[in-house]
Amino acid sequence: KLCFCSIAMSADPLEGNVFISSVSLGDGEDLCIAKLSHASGSSLEVTTYGAHVTSWKLPGDKEQLYMTSQWPQGFKKGKGIRGGIPVCWPQFSQSGPLSNHGFLRTSEAWEVVDASTTEGVPSVTMRIGPTPESRAAPGWEEAEFDVTVRVSLMADSFRFELEVANNAEVPLVFTGALHTYFAVPDVKTAVVRGLKGTKFIDKVRDFQKFDDAEEAVAFVGEKVDRGYLQTGAVVLADGTGREIAICKEGWTDSVVWNIGEAEAPSLADMGPGEWQRYVCVESGVVDPETPVTVAPNESWIGTQTISCKL
């Protein structure tokens, strides 16, 4: 297991590199973290705690993801990391018997199985199988699986691939999402486009389904929590001219979420006023009526490619 080491997997900055290191938490513990650097100057960080992406910077050191101001000094193991890209699996939200968003996002059992640079593209691969937490989860006691995450960094984009292999003789059924938090200067100037004409589940309105007839999803300070079904590519525009495109394969749905001003104090791991500094646009399979079913000894792959135009 590669962890808590300082090994440059590729030492030539003209080719890009992957560096395995650690980040210190406020309680004195450490988390293993992979730092990817592209020759253009872009960078990305992903920790083995939950296979969680905690930073994505474009050339010029401009951070594109929101992370709570409490990270990392205020973070303690045993809970999810607020911000970045949590891996929600094998359950999205509270749509089943498991704890919120499933058991992978808080697992320390992820292992780095590859860290390399190919044709100038640095990448890292992490993998996890059954754990004591999964064995204790209702309905997952006998599940046999491998979940593999592969993250690759380009100049103005990155690709996040999640592969689920079912190693059992019975089908594997799940929902999930890549719960991506994008940094914005002010949520009230941000819009999300590409969802017009789709149906969505509105958690704010008792999980009712509605048709979206709007050109864009806007934010006025109230809570927005919607799961859009059978979606294509989605674009987040933050009001400054910056646009982020979220393209996906395998993941059928998209989630748009901001906690809003009234409920923001309920998130103890989010600093004052920080609800205004993010928009979540997530690729997922979120409708419990249409989960992913992986046949015995088969695999499923979901990918998300995020690119930025300034």
Protein backbone atom coordinates (compact mmCIF):
# COMPACT_ATOMS: atom_id res chain seq x y z
CA LYS A 1 0.00 0.00 0.00
CA LEU A 2 1.46 3.35 -1.07
CA CYS A 3 0.85 5.81 1.74
CA PHE A 4 2.59 8.33 3.96
CA CYS A 5 5.58 8.35 1.65
CA SER A 6 7.23 11.03 -0.45
CA ILE A 7 7.90 9.42 -3.80
CA ALA A 8 7.89 11.40 -7.06
CA MET A 9 6.39 8.90 -9.50
CA SER A 10 7.53 11.11 -12.41
CA ALA A 11 10.18 13.69 -11.75
CA ASP A 12 10.13 15.68 -15.02
CA PRO A 13 7.91 18.79 -14.64
CA LEU A 14 7.76 19.05 -18.44
CA GLU A 15 5.88 15.74 -18.49
CA GLY A 16 3.78 16.20 -15.36
CA ASN A 17 4.11 14.16 -12.20
CA VAL A 18 2.31 12.39 -9.36
CA PHE A 19 3.58 12.83 -5.82
CA ILE A 20 2.34 10.69 -2.92
CA SER A 21 2.49 12.56 0.37
CA SER A 22 0.30 13.32 3.39
CA VAL A 23 -1.78 16.11 4.88
CA SER A 24 -1.93 16.80 8.61
CA LEU A 25 -5.24 17.15 10.44
CA GLY A 26 -5.86 19.29 13.50
CA ASP A 27 -5.94 16.29 15.83
CA GLY A 28 -2.42 15.25 14.86
CA GLU A 29 -3.43 12.46 12.48
CA ASP A 30 -2.43 12.34 8.81
CA LEU A 31 -4.21 11.46 5.59
CA CYS A 32 -2.43 10.01 2.56
CA ILE A 33 -2.80 12.29 -0.47
CA ALA A 34 -1.82 12.06 -4.14
CA LYS A 35 -0.81 15.33 -5.78
CA LEU A 36 -1.03 15.43 -9.57
CA SER A 37 0.79 18.18 -11.49
CA HIS A 38 0.44 18.87 -15.23
CA ALA A 39 3.12 20.55 -17.31
CA SER A 40 0.70 23.42 -18.02
CA GLY A 41 0.67 24.32 -14.32
CA SER A 42 -2.67 22.75 -13.41
CA SER A 43 -2.82 20.50 -10.35
CA LEU A 44 -5.17 18.15 -8.49
CA GLU A 45 -5.13 16.50 -5.09
CA VAL A 46 -6.98 13.33 -4.03
CA THR A 47 -6.78 11.63 -0.65
CA THR A 48 -7.10 7.92 0.11
CA TYR A 49 -9.73 8.86 2.69
CA GLY A 50 -12.81 8.17 0.60
CA ALA A 51 -10.88 8.59 -2.70
CA HIS A 52 -11.87 12.21 -2.23
CA VAL A 53 -10.63 14.97 -4.56
CA THR A 54 -9.81 17.99 -2.37
CA SER A 55 -8.31 20.44 -4.90
CA TRP A 56 -8.30 21.22 -8.62
CA LYS A 57 -6.33 24.24 -9.74
CA LEU A 58 -5.89 25.64 -13.22
CA PRO A 59 -2.62 27.18 -14.41
CA GLY A 60 -2.06 30.32 -12.34
CA ASP A 61 -3.01 28.54 -9.10
CA LYS A 62 -6.74 29.33 -9.38
CA GLU A 63 -8.76 26.90 -7.23
CA GLN A 64 -11.90 25.57 -8.95
CA LEU A 65 -13.40 23.48 -6.13
CA TYR A 66 -14.95 24.68 -2.90
CA MET A 67 -13.51 23.26 0.31
CA THR A 68 -14.70 24.22 3.75
CA SER A 69 -12.46 26.68 5.56
CA GLN A 70 -12.21 24.04 8.29
CA TRP A 71 -10.16 21.77 5.98
CA PRO A 72 -7.84 20.23 6.95
CA GLN A 73 -7.20 21.50 10.48
CA GLY A 74 -10.82 21.19 11.62
CA PHE A 75 -11.46 17.80 10.07
CA LYS A 76 -11.67 14.56 12.06
CA LYS A 77 -11.85 11.06 10.67
CA GLY A 78 -15.14 9.22 10.84
CA LYS A 79 -17.22 11.72 8.90
CA GLY A 80 -17.41 12.97 5.34
CA ILE A 81 -15.18 15.77 4.06
CA ARG A 82 -17.14 18.94 3.25
CA GLY A 83 -16.31 20.11 -0.26
CA GLY A 84 -14.26 18.78 -3.16
CA ILE A 85 -15.68 15.58 -4.64
CA PRO A 86 -17.11 13.06 -2.17
CA VAL A 87 -17.74 9.60 -3.66
CA CYS A 88 -21.30 8.71 -2.66
CA TRP A 89 -21.66 4.92 -2.94
CA PRO A 90 -23.47 2.52 -2.77
CA GLN A 91 -26.35 4.80 -1.80
CA PHE A 92 -27.12 8.34 -2.81
CA SER A 93 -28.35 10.58 0.02
CA GLN A 94 -30.82 8.89 2.35
CA SER A 95 -32.63 6.93 -0.36
CA GLY A 96 -32.09 3.55 1.32
CA PRO A 97 -31.21 1.78 4.58
CA LEU A 98 -27.58 2.87 4.73
CA SER A 99 -26.10 5.96 6.34
CA ASN A 100 -26.23 9.16 4.28
CA HIS A 101 -24.38 8.70 0.96
CA GLY A 102 -23.15 5.21 1.79
CA PHE A 103 -19.95 3.89 3.36
CA LEU A 104 -17.17 4.57 0.83
CA ARG A 105 -16.74 8.32 1.38
CA THR A 106 -15.57 7.82 4.97
CA SER A 107 -13.43 4.73 4.43
CA GLU A 108 -9.68 4.68 5.07
CA ALA A 109 -9.31 1.34 3.27
CA TRP A 110 -8.65 2.84 -0.18
CA GLU A 111 -5.24 1.89 -1.57
CA VAL A 112 -3.16 3.56 -4.25
CA VAL A 113 -2.52 0.84 -6.84
CA ASP A 114 -1.00 3.01 -9.57
CA ALA A 115 0.45 6.50 -9.89
CA SER A 116 2.03 7.40 -13.22
CA THR A 117 2.30 9.82 -16.13
CA THR A 118 1.48 8.68 -19.67
CA GLU A 119 2.00 10.98 -22.66
CA GLY A 120 2.07 13.97 -20.36
CA VAL A 121 -1.12 13.05 -18.47
CA PRO A 122 -0.58 12.31 -14.76
CA SER A 123 -3.05 9.91 -13.16
CA VAL A 124 -3.67 8.01 -9.96
CA THR A 125 -5.68 4.84 -9.37
CA MET A 126 -7.18 3.82 -6.03
CA ARG A 127 -9.09 0.67 -5.15
CA ILE A 128 -11.23 -0.69 -2.33
CA GLY A 129 -13.06 -3.97 -1.66
CA PRO A 130 -15.31 -5.18 1.14
CA THR A 131 -14.53 -3.64 4.53
CA PRO A 132 -15.78 -4.15 8.08
CA GLU A 133 -18.10 -1.18 7.41
CA SER A 134 -19.56 -2.76 4.28
CA ARG A 135 -19.95 -6.12 6.03
CA ALA A 136 -21.99 -4.38 8.73
CA ALA A 137 -24.17 -2.44 6.27
CA PRO A 138 -27.76 -3.69 5.85
CA GLY A 139 -28.04 -5.73 2.67
CA TRP A 140 -24.29 -5.63 1.99
CA GLU A 141 -23.10 -8.23 4.48
CA GLU A 142 -22.20 -10.76 1.77
CA ALA A 143 -21.50 -8.40 -1.12
CA GLU A 144 -18.24 -9.06 -2.98
CA PHE A 145 -17.01 -6.10 -5.00
CA ASP A 146 -14.06 -4.02 -6.07
CA VAL A 147 -14.48 -0.28 -6.60
CA THR A 148 -11.71 1.41 -8.57
CA VAL A 149 -11.25 5.15 -8.98
CA ARG A 150 -8.99 6.57 -11.70
CA VAL A 151 -8.30 10.31 -11.84
CA SER A 152 -6.42 11.86 -14.78
CA LEU A 153 -5.35 15.51 -15.08
CA MET A 154 -5.09 17.61 -18.24
CA ALA A 155 -4.32 21.33 -18.75
CA ASP A 156 -7.85 22.68 -18.27
CA SER A 157 -9.79 19.53 -17.38
CA PHE A 158 -9.72 16.28 -15.48
CA ARG A 159 -11.42 12.91 -15.75
CA PHE A 160 -12.81 10.94 -12.81
CA GLU A 161 -13.69 7.32 -13.50
CA LEU A 162 -15.41 4.99 -11.04
CA GLU A 163 -15.55 1.29 -11.87
CA VAL A 164 -17.62 -1.21 -9.89
CA ALA A 165 -16.84 -4.91 -10.31
CA ASN A 166 -19.34 -7.42 -8.95
CA ASN A 167 -17.40 -10.48 -7.82
CA ALA A 168 -20.41 -12.31 -6.39
CA GLU A 169 -22.89 -14.76 -7.93
CA VAL A 170 -25.85 -12.45 -7.31
CA PRO A 171 -26.61 -9.01 -8.84
CA LEU A 172 -25.16 -5.90 -7.22
CA VAL A 173 -27.62 -2.99 -6.98
CA PHE A 174 -26.69 0.57 -6.05
CA THR A 175 -27.21 4.30 -6.49
CA GLY A 176 -24.49 6.91 -6.10
CA ALA A 177 -22.95 10.18 -7.22
CA LEU A 178 -19.79 12.22 -7.55
CA HIS A 179 -20.87 15.03 -5.22
CA THR A 180 -18.81 17.82 -6.81
CA TYR A 181 -18.60 21.21 -5.02
CA PHE A 182 -17.60 24.01 -7.40
CA ALA A 183 -16.25 27.27 -6.03
CA VAL A 184 -18.17 30.40 -7.10
CA PRO A 185 -17.68 34.03 -6.06
CA ASP A 186 -21.39 34.42 -5.25
CA VAL A 187 -24.03 31.73 -5.68
CA LYS A 188 -26.61 34.37 -6.59
CA THR A 189 -24.74 35.17 -9.81
CA ALA A 190 -24.30 31.51 -10.81
CA VAL A 191 -26.57 29.51 -13.13
CA VAL A 192 -26.63 25.90 -14.30
CA ARG A 193 -27.59 25.27 -17.93
CA GLY A 194 -28.40 22.16 -19.94
CA LEU A 195 -31.28 20.77 -17.87
CA LYS A 196 -34.29 22.29 -19.64
CA GLY A 197 -36.80 19.67 -20.71
CA THR A 198 -35.77 17.06 -18.13
CA LYS A 199 -37.67 15.79 -15.13
CA PHE A 200 -36.35 16.37 -11.63
CA ILE A 201 -36.98 15.11 -8.12
CA ASP A 202 -37.30 18.10 -5.81
CA LYS A 203 -36.24 17.23 -2.26
CA VAL A 204 -37.41 20.65 -1.08
CA ARG A 205 -40.95 19.81 -2.20
CA ASP A 206 -41.43 16.37 -0.65
CA PHE A 207 -39.54 14.49 -3.38
CA GLN A 208 -42.18 15.29 -5.99
CA LYS A 209 -41.23 15.06 -9.67
CA PHE A 210 -41.49 18.09 -11.96
CA ASP A 211 -40.67 19.02 -15.55
CA ASP A 212 -37.99 21.69 -15.90
CA ALA A 213 -39.04 24.39 -18.36
CA GLU A 214 -36.44 26.99 -17.36
CA GLU A 215 -33.46 27.96 -19.50
CA ALA A 216 -31.20 27.74 -16.44
CA VAL A 217 -31.28 26.89 -12.76
CA ALA A 218 -30.68 30.08 -10.75
CA PHE A 219 -30.00 30.62 -7.04
CA VAL A 220 -31.68 33.37 -5.02
CA GLY A 221 -30.56 32.40 -1.52
CA GLU A 222 -33.13 29.67 -0.89
CA LYS A 223 -32.29 25.98 -0.73
CA VAL A 224 -32.00 24.17 -4.06
CA ASP A 225 -31.86 20.37 -3.94
CA ARG A 226 -32.86 18.66 -7.16
CA GLY A 227 -32.07 15.36 -8.82
CA TYR A 228 -32.44 15.72 -12.60
CA LEU A 229 -33.13 12.46 -14.43
CA GLN A 230 -31.69 11.22 -17.73
CA THR A 231 -29.48 14.23 -18.37
CA GLY A 232 -26.69 15.06 -20.77
CA ALA A 233 -23.84 17.51 -20.42
CA VAL A 234 -24.33 20.37 -17.96
CA VAL A 235 -22.67 23.80 -17.77
CA LEU A 236 -22.08 25.90 -14.66
CA ALA A 237 -21.57 29.62 -15.32
CA ASP A 238 -20.52 31.69 -12.31
CA GLY A 239 -21.29 35.18 -13.63
CA THR A 240 -17.67 36.20 -14.24
CA GLY A 241 -17.34 34.67 -17.72
CA ARG A 242 -15.99 31.40 -16.33
CA GLU A 243 -17.87 28.30 -17.49
CA ILE A 244 -17.39 24.75 -16.31
CA ALA A 245 -18.67 21.87 -18.44
CA ILE A 246 -19.58 18.60 -16.75
CA CYS A 247 -19.75 15.68 -19.20
CA LYS A 248 -20.51 12.15 -18.13
CA GLU A 249 -20.95 8.55 -19.24
CA GLY A 250 -22.58 5.77 -17.23
CA TRP A 251 -24.03 8.23 -14.76
CA THR A 252 -27.58 8.87 -15.96
CA ASP A 253 -28.56 11.80 -13.74
CA SER A 254 -27.40 15.20 -12.46
CA VAL A 255 -27.88 16.78 -9.04
CA VAL A 256 -27.92 20.53 -8.35
CA TRP A 257 -27.60 21.58 -4.71
CA ASN A 258 -26.98 24.59 -2.52
CA ILE A 259 -28.02 24.61 1.13
CA GLY A 260 -29.35 28.18 1.07
CA GLU A 261 -29.08 30.85 3.73
CA ALA A 262 -31.78 29.63 6.13
CA GLU A 263 -30.40 26.10 6.58
CA ALA A 264 -26.70 26.94 6.31
CA PRO A 265 -26.21 27.11 10.11
CA SER A 266 -27.22 23.42 10.28
CA LEU A 267 -23.93 22.48 8.57
CA ALA A 268 -21.43 22.66 11.41
CA ASP A 269 -18.54 21.87 9.06
CA MET A 270 -19.21 24.88 6.84
CA GLY A 271 -17.93 28.32 7.84
CA PRO A 272 -20.15 31.42 8.20
CA GLY A 273 -21.30 32.71 4.83
CA GLU A 274 -19.69 29.86 2.91
CA TRP A 275 -23.06 28.71 1.55
CA GLN A 276 -22.67 31.58 -0.91
CA ARG A 277 -19.32 30.26 -2.19
CA TYR A 278 -20.29 26.97 -3.80
CA VAL A 279 -22.66 25.20 -6.16
CA CYS A 280 -22.85 21.42 -6.27
CA VAL A 281 -23.35 19.93 -9.74
CA GLU A 282 -23.12 16.18 -9.40
CA SER A 283 -23.06 13.28 -11.84
CA GLY A 284 -24.96 10.33 -10.44
CA VAL A 285 -27.60 7.64 -10.51
CA VAL A 286 -29.92 9.04 -7.89
CA ASP A 287 -33.47 7.72 -8.45
CA PRO A 288 -33.99 4.70 -6.17
CA GLU A 289 -36.59 3.46 -8.66
CA THR A 290 -33.93 3.07 -11.38
CA PRO A 291 -30.66 2.01 -9.70
CA VAL A 292 -27.64 0.46 -11.38
CA THR A 293 -27.74 -3.34 -11.47
CA VAL A 294 -24.44 -5.10 -12.14
CA ALA A 295 -24.76 -8.76 -13.13
CA PRO A 296 -22.60 -11.41 -11.43
CA ASN A 297 -18.95 -11.22 -12.48
CA GLU A 298 -19.60 -8.11 -14.57
CA SER A 299 -18.51 -4.47 -14.18
CA TRP A 300 -20.02 -1.00 -14.52
CA ILE A 301 -18.12 2.22 -15.25
CA GLY A 302 -19.21 5.79 -14.64
CA THR A 303 -17.03 8.68 -15.81
CA GLN A 304 -17.15 12.42 -15.26
CA THR A 305 -15.00 14.82 -17.28
CA ILE A 306 -14.87 18.40 -16.03
CA SER A 307 -13.39 21.20 -18.12
CA CYS A 308 -13.12 24.93 -17.51
CA LYS A 309 -13.22 27.90 -19.85
CA LEU A 310 -12.24 31.24 -18.30
